Amino acid sequence: MIRITRSLARLAGLALLPLLAAACTQTASGPPPGMSAAQAAAYCSKLSWAYGEYVASGLGDSAGDDDNTNADINARLAIAQCHEGQTGAAIPVLQQELRRNKVPVPPV
């Protein structure tokens, strides 16, 4: 009896995996909740500009990594994601990097 119940639970879990994967993909690549695709693209561009202007140019207050390599790679990946329309994944990373470098995050 227990063996059958475990098998059914595994089967049900496997059946839900594609739905869960699709939900995660949708939220990570599309615009954040409450934003249209155009609004998210404009805001992502604003964040990318602020990062390039204040952090990448050396005007921000760098903290964390000794050489900021990981943070820089993450931010550059997020900027590339902005250009590809994956704003849901990019916006939080850019906001975090601006805050980490003590640069004011632009309003939405």
Protein backbone atom coordinates (compact mmCIF):
# COMPACT_ATOMS: atom_id res chain seq x y z
CA MET A 1 0.00 0.00 0.00
CA ILE A 2 2.77 2.46 0.92
CA ARG A 3 4.68 1.50 -2.22
CA ILE A 4 1.67 2.34 -4.42
CA THR A 5 1.13 5.69 -2.67
CA ARG A 6 4.78 6.68 -3.19
CA SER A 7 4.59 5.71 -6.85
CA LEU A 8 1.48 7.82 -7.33
CA ALA A 9 3.10 10.76 -5.55
CA ARG A 10 6.17 10.52 -7.79
CA LEU A 11 3.99 10.29 -10.88
CA ALA A 12 1.99 13.34 -9.82
CA GLY A 13 5.21 15.23 -9.11
CA LEU A 14 6.62 14.35 -12.52
CA ALA A 15 3.40 15.46 -14.18
CA LEU A 16 3.69 18.89 -12.52
CA LEU A 17 7.34 19.47 -13.47
CA PRO A 18 6.67 20.87 -16.97
CA LEU A 19 4.08 23.28 -15.57
CA LEU A 20 6.47 24.47 -12.86
CA ALA A 21 9.31 24.88 -15.34
CA ALA A 22 7.07 26.89 -17.67
CA ALA A 23 5.98 29.15 -14.82
CA CYS A 24 9.57 29.84 -13.79
CA THR A 25 10.58 30.58 -17.37
CA GLN A 26 7.68 32.96 -17.86
CA THR A 27 8.44 35.05 -14.78
CA ALA A 28 12.19 35.19 -15.34
CA SER A 29 12.12 36.32 -18.95
CA GLY A 30 9.09 38.57 -19.19
CA PRO A 31 8.45 41.94 -17.59
CA PRO A 32 8.13 42.15 -13.81
CA PRO A 33 4.60 41.99 -12.40
CA GLY A 34 2.73 45.26 -12.79
CA MET A 35 4.79 46.45 -15.77
CA SER A 36 4.07 46.22 -19.46
CA ALA A 37 6.87 44.99 -21.71
CA ALA A 38 7.47 48.56 -22.93
CA GLN A 39 7.62 49.96 -19.38
CA ALA A 40 10.00 47.22 -18.30
CA ALA A 41 12.25 47.80 -21.32
CA ALA A 42 12.39 51.54 -20.63
CA TYR A 43 13.13 51.00 -16.93
CA CYS A 44 15.76 48.38 -17.72
CA SER A 45 17.44 50.87 -20.08
CA LYS A 46 17.36 53.49 -17.32
CA LEU A 47 19.02 51.08 -14.87
CA SER A 48 21.60 50.03 -17.48
CA TRP A 49 22.47 53.67 -18.14
CA ALA A 50 22.84 54.39 -14.41
CA TYR A 51 25.10 51.37 -13.96
CA GLY A 52 27.29 52.35 -16.90
CA GLU A 53 27.41 56.01 -15.90
CA TYR A 54 28.10 55.65 -12.18
CA VAL A 55 29.41 52.15 -11.44
CA ALA A 56 31.27 50.95 -14.54
CA SER A 57 32.90 54.37 -14.93
CA GLY A 58 34.23 54.16 -11.36
CA LEU A 59 32.07 56.89 -9.82
CA GLY A 60 30.15 54.52 -7.53
CA ASP A 61 31.31 53.35 -4.11
CA SER A 62 32.44 49.79 -4.89
CA ALA A 63 32.04 47.26 -2.11
CA GLY A 64 32.05 43.49 -1.74
CA ASP A 65 34.43 41.64 -4.08
CA ASP A 66 38.06 42.66 -3.87
CA ASP A 67 38.14 43.39 -7.58
CA ASN A 68 34.33 43.47 -8.20
CA THR A 69 34.72 40.85 -10.93
CA ASN A 70 31.65 38.77 -10.05
CA ALA A 71 29.46 41.82 -9.59
CA ASP A 72 30.63 43.29 -12.88
CA ILE A 73 29.94 40.04 -14.74
CA ASN A 74 26.47 39.79 -13.20
CA ALA A 75 25.66 43.39 -14.11
CA ARG A 76 26.93 43.01 -17.67
CA LEU A 77 24.87 39.84 -18.06
CA ALA A 78 21.82 41.74 -16.76
CA ILE A 79 22.46 44.55 -19.26
CA ALA A 80 22.60 41.95 -22.05
CA GLN A 81 19.35 40.46 -20.76
CA CYS A 82 17.77 43.93 -20.95
CA HIS A 83 18.74 44.16 -24.60
CA GLU A 84 17.24 40.71 -25.22
CA GLY A 85 13.96 41.64 -23.51
CA GLN A 86 14.53 39.46 -20.42
CA THR A 87 13.70 42.34 -18.12
CA GLY A 88 12.23 40.22 -15.32
CA ALA A 89 15.63 38.67 -14.69
CA ALA A 90 17.70 41.79 -15.37
CA ILE A 91 15.96 44.50 -13.36
CA PRO A 92 16.53 43.01 -9.86
CA VAL A 93 20.22 42.39 -10.58
CA LEU A 94 20.81 45.94 -11.79
CA GLN A 95 18.90 47.40 -8.84
CA GLN A 96 20.99 45.31 -6.46
CA GLU A 97 24.27 46.36 -8.08
CA LEU A 98 23.33 50.03 -7.97
CA ARG A 99 22.42 49.76 -4.28
CA ARG A 100 25.59 47.80 -3.51
CA ASN A 101 27.61 50.62 -5.02
CA LYS A 102 25.58 53.25 -3.15
CA VAL A 103 24.09 54.68 -6.35
CA PRO A 104 20.45 55.78 -6.06
CA VAL A 105 18.12 53.42 -7.93
CA PRO A 106 16.07 55.39 -10.46
CA PRO A 107 12.31 55.43 -9.87
CA VAL A 108 10.11 53.29 -12.09
